Amino acid sequence: MKITNADLSHPQVIGLLQIHLAGMYENSPPEQVFALDLSAFKQPGIQLYCAWFEDTACGIGALKTLNTDEGEIKSMRTHPDCLKQGVASRLLEHIIQQAKIRGIGRLMLETGSGEAFVPAIRLYQRYGFISGPAFGDYEKSPFNQFFHLKLQ
């Protein structure tokens, strides 16, 4: 598996973002979906990564710089055909490493709270993320939860 900065014009990358957005809207009330669309990844301070098996885009994940010491993980998604092959773990490891390179001291994320989110939550917990308070502009609701990982 190879992880690269995502080419935002690549049809497979666009397809993974569409799968991600559809999944978020399928499993959360619309007002509780904070997933980013393609245009958001063209803004400064956010980098989308793509995991590839040969010529197939298997997963995506992003690192958003919030300030000089904090970052947020966004848009983690494994293609349905690539589940249980280590894609999400590798992407998460890559994002954590990139955050460390940037000098980020704490990574945070917002995710859903239904059954569909359990595999992602377990992944984050395996890497040391712990439940924590809302951050940034997020507000706690019955439909979301927040995780934090201290890097330094």
C-alpha atoms as a PDB file:
ATOM      1  CA  MET A   1       0.000   0.000   0.000  1.00  0.00           C
ATOM      2  CA  LYS A   2       1.191   3.468  -0.865  1.00  0.00           C
ATOM      3  CA  ILE A   3      -0.141   6.667   0.705  1.00  0.00           C
ATOM      4  CA  THR A   4       0.072   9.903  -1.269  1.00  0.00           C
ATOM      5  CA  ASN A   5      -1.249  13.427  -1.118  1.00  0.00           C
ATOM      6  CA  ALA A   6      -4.612  13.016  -2.812  1.00  0.00           C
ATOM      7  CA  ASP A   7      -5.069  14.260  -6.366  1.00  0.00           C
ATOM      8  CA  LEU A   8      -8.372  16.109  -5.994  1.00  0.00           C
ATOM      9  CA  SER A   9      -9.089  15.721  -9.702  1.00  0.00           C
ATOM     10  CA  HIS A  10      -8.664  11.921  -9.737  1.00  0.00           C
ATOM     11  CA  PRO A  11     -12.015  10.156 -10.332  1.00  0.00           C
ATOM     12  CA  GLN A  12     -11.301   7.493  -7.689  1.00  0.00           C
ATOM     13  CA  VAL A  13     -10.502  10.122  -5.053  1.00  0.00           C
ATOM     14  CA  ILE A  14     -13.680  12.020  -5.940  1.00  0.00           C
ATOM     15  CA  GLY A  15     -15.580   8.726  -5.760  1.00  0.00           C
ATOM     16  CA  LEU A  16     -14.262   7.985  -2.266  1.00  0.00           C
ATOM     17  CA  LEU A  17     -15.291  11.445  -1.092  1.00  0.00           C
ATOM     18  CA  GLN A  18     -18.776  10.834  -2.503  1.00  0.00           C
ATOM     19  CA  ILE A  19     -18.976   7.468  -0.715  1.00  0.00           C
ATOM     20  CA  HIS A  20     -17.881   9.168   2.498  1.00  0.00           C
ATOM     21  CA  LEU A  21     -20.467  11.950   2.270  1.00  0.00           C
ATOM     22  CA  ALA A  22     -23.251   9.504   1.403  1.00  0.00           C
ATOM     23  CA  GLY A  23     -22.334   7.352   4.409  1.00  0.00           C
ATOM     24  CA  MET A  24     -22.373  10.319   6.731  1.00  0.00           C
ATOM     25  CA  TYR A  25     -25.814  11.438   5.571  1.00  0.00           C
ATOM     26  CA  GLU A  26     -27.098   7.869   5.753  1.00  0.00           C
ATOM     27  CA  ASN A  27     -26.053   7.496   9.401  1.00  0.00           C
ATOM     28  CA  SER A  28     -26.552  10.969  10.907  1.00  0.00           C
ATOM     29  CA  PRO A  29     -29.179  13.715  10.838  1.00  0.00           C
ATOM     30  CA  PRO A  30     -28.274  16.256   8.120  1.00  0.00           C
ATOM     31  CA  GLU A  31     -27.636  19.037  10.653  1.00  0.00           C
ATOM     32  CA  GLN A  32     -25.111  16.778  12.418  1.00  0.00           C
ATOM     33  CA  VAL A  33     -23.021  15.966   9.318  1.00  0.00           C
ATOM     34  CA  PHE A  34     -19.719  17.837   9.406  1.00  0.00           C
ATOM     35  CA  ALA A  35     -18.020  15.935   6.575  1.00  0.00           C
ATOM     36  CA  LEU A  36     -16.186  18.073   4.057  1.00  0.00           C
ATOM     37  CA  ASP A  37     -16.941  18.213   0.352  1.00  0.00           C
ATOM     38  CA  LEU A  38     -14.330  18.372  -2.395  1.00  0.00           C
ATOM     39  CA  SER A  39     -14.095  22.179  -2.348  1.00  0.00           C
ATOM     40  CA  ALA A  40     -13.030  22.183   1.331  1.00  0.00           C
ATOM     41  CA  PHE A  41      -9.872  20.238   0.500  1.00  0.00           C
ATOM     42  CA  LYS A  42      -8.740  23.023  -1.807  1.00  0.00           C
ATOM     43  CA  GLN A  43      -8.439  25.408   1.157  1.00  0.00           C
ATOM     44  CA  PRO A  44      -5.115  26.037   2.914  1.00  0.00           C
ATOM     45  CA  GLY A  45      -4.410  24.135   6.116  1.00  0.00           C
ATOM     46  CA  ILE A  46      -5.984  20.848   5.104  1.00  0.00           C
ATOM     47  CA  GLN A  47      -4.361  17.915   3.338  1.00  0.00           C
ATOM     48  CA  LEU A  48      -6.256  14.906   2.043  1.00  0.00           C
ATOM     49  CA  TYR A  49      -4.287  11.659   1.747  1.00  0.00           C
ATOM     50  CA  CYS A  50      -5.150   8.632  -0.355  1.00  0.00           C
ATOM     51  CA  ALA A  51      -4.145   5.002   0.180  1.00  0.00           C
ATOM     52  CA  TRP A  52      -3.508   3.030  -2.996  1.00  0.00           C
ATOM     53  CA  PHE A  53      -3.192  -0.670  -3.753  1.00  0.00           C
ATOM     54  CA  GLU A  54      -1.528  -0.557  -7.172  1.00  0.00           C
ATOM     55  CA  ASP A  55      -3.982   1.523  -9.255  1.00  0.00           C
ATOM     56  CA  THR A  56      -6.926   1.346  -6.866  1.00  0.00           C
ATOM     57  CA  ALA A  57      -7.781   4.075  -4.365  1.00  0.00           C
ATOM     58  CA  CYS A  58      -8.636   2.159  -1.196  1.00  0.00           C
ATOM     59  CA  GLY A  59      -9.080   4.873   1.381  1.00  0.00           C
ATOM     60  CA  ILE A  60      -8.815   8.525   2.274  1.00  0.00           C
ATOM     61  CA  GLY A  61      -8.148  10.583   5.370  1.00  0.00           C
ATOM     62  CA  ALA A  62      -7.258  14.205   6.028  1.00  0.00           C
ATOM     63  CA  LEU A  63      -5.285  16.316   8.444  1.00  0.00           C
ATOM     64  CA  LYS A  64      -6.606  19.805   9.121  1.00  0.00           C
ATOM     65  CA  THR A  65      -4.350  22.229  10.966  1.00  0.00           C
ATOM     66  CA  LEU A  66      -6.429  24.130  13.526  1.00  0.00           C
ATOM     67  CA  ASN A  67      -3.660  26.237  15.080  1.00  0.00           C
ATOM     68  CA  THR A  68       0.051  25.939  15.843  1.00  0.00           C
ATOM     69  CA  ASP A  69      -0.497  23.080  18.321  1.00  0.00           C
ATOM     70  CA  GLU A  70      -3.722  21.335  17.286  1.00  0.00           C
ATOM     71  CA  GLY A  71      -4.924  19.340  14.323  1.00  0.00           C
ATOM     72  CA  GLU A  72      -8.111  17.572  13.353  1.00  0.00           C
ATOM     73  CA  ILE A  73      -8.600  14.298  11.524  1.00  0.00           C
ATOM     74  CA  LYS A  74     -11.266  14.551   8.840  1.00  0.00           C
ATOM     75  CA  SER A  75     -12.870  12.333   6.210  1.00  0.00           C
ATOM     76  CA  MET A  76     -11.501   8.932   7.173  1.00  0.00           C
ATOM     77  CA  ARG A  77     -13.056   6.382   4.811  1.00  0.00           C
ATOM     78  CA  THR A  78     -12.101   2.989   3.452  1.00  0.00           C
ATOM     79  CA  HIS A  79     -13.619   1.882   0.156  1.00  0.00           C
ATOM     80  CA  PRO A  80     -16.171  -0.895   0.830  1.00  0.00           C
ATOM     81  CA  ASP A  81     -14.180  -3.299  -1.383  1.00  0.00           C
ATOM     82  CA  CYS A  82     -11.054  -2.765   0.748  1.00  0.00           C
ATOM     83  CA  LEU A  83     -12.421  -3.204   4.273  1.00  0.00           C
ATOM     84  CA  LYS A  84     -10.455  -5.286   6.801  1.00  0.00           C
ATOM     85  CA  GLN A  85      -7.193  -4.960   4.856  1.00  0.00           C
ATOM     86  CA  GLY A  86      -5.464  -2.448   7.137  1.00  0.00           C
ATOM     87  CA  VAL A  87      -6.250   0.621   5.044  1.00  0.00           C
ATOM     88  CA  ALA A  88      -7.663   2.738   7.882  1.00  0.00           C
ATOM     89  CA  SER A  89      -4.806   1.800  10.225  1.00  0.00           C
ATOM     90  CA  ARG A  90      -2.193   2.775   7.675  1.00  0.00           C
ATOM     91  CA  LEU A  91      -3.939   6.053   6.891  1.00  0.00           C
ATOM     92  CA  LEU A  92      -4.273   6.888  10.577  1.00  0.00           C
ATOM     93  CA  GLU A  93      -0.584   6.104  11.178  1.00  0.00           C
ATOM     94  CA  HIS A  94       0.329   8.350   8.232  1.00  0.00           C
ATOM     95  CA  ILE A  95      -1.822  11.213   9.519  1.00  0.00           C
ATOM     96  CA  ILE A  96      -0.368  10.904  13.018  1.00  0.00           C
ATOM     97  CA  GLN A  97       3.156  10.950  11.566  1.00  0.00           C
ATOM     98  CA  GLN A  98       2.376  14.000   9.421  1.00  0.00           C
ATOM     99  CA  ALA A  99       0.956  15.777  12.465  1.00  0.00           C
ATOM    100  CA  LYS A 100       4.155  15.076  14.403  1.00  0.00           C
ATOM    101  CA  ILE A 101       6.262  16.390  11.507  1.00  0.00           C
ATOM    102  CA  ARG A 102       4.204  19.600  11.574  1.00  0.00           C
ATOM    103  CA  GLY A 103       4.780  19.973  15.316  1.00  0.00           C
ATOM    104  CA  ILE A 104       1.147  19.388  16.217  1.00  0.00           C
ATOM    105  CA  GLY A 105       0.859  18.429  19.872  1.00  0.00           C
ATOM    106  CA  ARG A 106      -2.732  17.234  19.920  1.00  0.00           C
ATOM    107  CA  LEU A 107      -4.968  15.567  17.356  1.00  0.00           C
ATOM    108  CA  MET A 108      -8.733  15.666  17.692  1.00  0.00           C
ATOM    109  CA  LEU A 109     -11.692  14.343  15.780  1.00  0.00           C
ATOM    110  CA  GLU A 110     -15.462  14.418  15.727  1.00  0.00           C
ATOM    111  CA  THR A 111     -17.385  11.307  14.768  1.00  0.00           C
ATOM    112  CA  GLY A 112     -20.880   9.910  14.963  1.00  0.00           C
ATOM    113  CA  SER A 113     -22.370   7.894  17.776  1.00  0.00           C
ATOM    114  CA  GLY A 114     -24.398   5.174  16.068  1.00  0.00           C
ATOM    115  CA  GLU A 115     -23.594   1.543  15.290  1.00  0.00           C
ATOM    116  CA  ALA A 116     -22.081   2.495  11.915  1.00  0.00           C
ATOM    117  CA  PHE A 117     -19.323   4.411  13.719  1.00  0.00           C
ATOM    118  CA  VAL A 118     -18.220   1.633  16.096  1.00  0.00           C
ATOM    119  CA  PRO A 119     -15.405   0.266  13.860  1.00  0.00           C
ATOM    120  CA  ALA A 120     -13.891   3.747  13.490  1.00  0.00           C
ATOM    121  CA  ILE A 121     -14.160   4.431  17.208  1.00  0.00           C
ATOM    122  CA  ARG A 122     -12.417   1.157  18.001  1.00  0.00           C
ATOM    123  CA  LEU A 123      -9.639   2.061  15.565  1.00  0.00           C
ATOM    124  CA  TYR A 124      -9.087   5.454  17.192  1.00  0.00           C
ATOM    125  CA  GLN A 125      -9.093   3.915  20.658  1.00  0.00           C
ATOM    126  CA  ARG A 126      -6.486   1.320  19.599  1.00  0.00           C
ATOM    127  CA  TYR A 127      -4.211   4.224  18.680  1.00  0.00           C
ATOM    128  CA  GLY A 128      -4.665   5.920  22.045  1.00  0.00           C
ATOM    129  CA  PHE A 129      -7.419   8.421  21.320  1.00  0.00           C
ATOM    130  CA  ILE A 130      -9.586   9.093  24.356  1.00  0.00           C
ATOM    131  CA  SER A 131     -13.055  10.561  24.627  1.00  0.00           C
ATOM    132  CA  GLY A 132     -12.975  14.282  25.269  1.00  0.00           C
ATOM    133  CA  PRO A 133     -14.893  17.527  25.040  1.00  0.00           C
ATOM    134  CA  ALA A 134     -16.163  19.225  21.918  1.00  0.00           C
ATOM    135  CA  PHE A 135     -13.646  21.526  20.267  1.00  0.00           C
ATOM    136  CA  GLY A 136     -13.644  24.356  17.754  1.00  0.00           C
ATOM    137  CA  ASP A 137     -17.138  25.191  16.517  1.00  0.00           C
ATOM    138  CA  TYR A 138     -18.552  21.745  17.279  1.00  0.00           C
ATOM    139  CA  GLU A 139     -21.290  21.263  19.832  1.00  0.00           C
ATOM    140  CA  LYS A 140     -21.934  18.028  21.681  1.00  0.00           C
ATOM    141  CA  SER A 141     -25.167  16.261  20.735  1.00  0.00           C
ATOM    142  CA  PRO A 142     -26.620  12.757  21.041  1.00  0.00           C
ATOM    143  CA  PHE A 143     -25.385  12.148  17.482  1.00  0.00           C
ATOM    144  CA  ASN A 144     -21.682  12.903  17.853  1.00  0.00           C
ATOM    145  CA  GLN A 145     -18.658  12.396  20.065  1.00  0.00           C
ATOM    146  CA  PHE A 146     -15.104  13.687  20.260  1.00  0.00           C
ATOM    147  CA  PHE A 147     -11.717  12.041  20.651  1.00  0.00           C
ATOM    148  CA  HIS A 148      -8.304  13.484  21.475  1.00  0.00           C
ATOM    149  CA  LEU A 149      -4.741  12.187  21.214  1.00  0.00           C
ATOM    150  CA  LYS A 150      -1.776  13.942  22.813  1.00  0.00           C
ATOM    151  CA  LEU A 151       1.267  13.626  20.540  1.00  0.00           C
ATOM    152  CA  GLN A 152       3.923  15.446  22.560  1.00  0.00           C
END
